[in-house]
Protein backbone atom coordinates (compact mmCIF):
# COMPACT_ATOMS: atom_id res chain seq x y z
CA MET A 1 56.90 138.50 106.64
CA ASN A 2 53.80 137.07 108.22
CA SER A 3 53.47 133.41 109.20
CA ASP A 4 51.78 132.44 105.92
CA GLU A 5 54.66 133.95 103.95
CA ILE A 6 57.17 132.14 106.15
CA ASP A 7 55.32 128.86 105.54
CA THR A 8 55.38 129.53 101.80
CA MET A 9 59.11 130.23 101.89
CA ASN A 10 59.71 126.98 103.78
CA LEU A 11 57.61 125.08 101.24
CA ALA A 12 59.61 126.65 98.42
CA ARG A 13 62.85 125.68 100.13
CA ALA A 14 61.65 122.10 100.59
CA SER A 15 60.71 121.90 96.92
CA LEU A 16 64.11 123.22 95.87
CA ALA A 17 65.82 120.75 98.20
CA ARG A 18 63.90 117.88 96.59
CA GLN A 19 64.98 119.12 93.16
CA ARG A 20 68.58 119.36 94.37
CA ASN A 21 68.50 115.80 95.68
CA ALA A 22 66.86 114.40 92.54
CA LEU A 23 69.38 116.14 90.30
CA ALA A 24 72.29 114.97 92.45
CA ARG A 25 71.00 111.39 92.15
CA ARG A 26 70.76 111.72 88.36
CA ILE A 27 74.27 113.14 88.16
CA GLY A 28 75.58 110.39 90.42
CA ALA A 29 73.91 107.66 88.39
CA SER A 30 75.28 108.96 85.13
CA GLU A 31 78.57 107.60 83.87
CA VAL A 32 79.24 110.94 82.20
CA ALA A 33 77.11 113.77 83.52
CA ALA A 34 76.28 116.63 81.18
CA PRO A 35 77.86 119.97 82.11
CA SER A 36 74.39 121.48 81.99
CA ALA A 37 73.44 119.29 84.95
CA ALA A 38 76.14 120.98 87.04
CA GLU A 39 74.85 124.37 85.93
CA ASP A 40 71.31 123.38 86.92
CA LEU A 41 72.56 122.18 90.30
CA SER A 42 74.36 125.50 90.84
CA ARG A 43 71.19 127.44 90.07
CA ILE A 44 69.18 125.32 92.51
CA LEU A 45 71.80 125.81 95.23
CA LEU A 46 71.76 129.58 94.67
CA ALA A 47 67.97 129.59 94.92
CA ILE A 48 68.11 127.67 98.21
CA GLU A 49 70.65 130.18 99.54
CA ALA A 50 68.37 133.05 98.51
CA VAL A 51 65.40 131.52 100.33
CA ASP A 52 67.58 130.91 103.38
CA ARG A 53 68.70 134.57 103.37
CA ALA A 54 65.10 135.75 103.10
CA LEU A 55 64.13 133.57 106.05
CA VAL A 56 67.06 134.89 108.11
CA ASP A 57 66.13 138.47 107.19
CA ALA A 58 62.61 137.74 108.41
CA GLY A 59 64.01 136.47 111.70
CA ARG A 60 62.90 132.90 110.98
CA PRO A 61 65.98 130.98 109.80
CA HIS A 62 65.48 127.56 108.32
CA MET A 63 66.19 124.88 110.90
CA HIS A 64 67.66 121.64 109.60
CA PRO A 65 65.98 118.53 111.07
CA GLU A 66 69.30 117.22 112.36
CA GLY A 67 69.65 120.25 114.59
């Protein structure tokens, strides 16, 4: 992957992470969360893992801000 593709992958990961966080907030705020919300969260987590694997395969693993 070239640097533009790496940047695009990192942008995709950031977008997925925002979706993950927003969905987790909705689930947490709900008194009774719908099972479909858990399924959606699982799909988002799998997508993040796939992007992370692609970045590792490209030799540019995602670095978390906390280190």
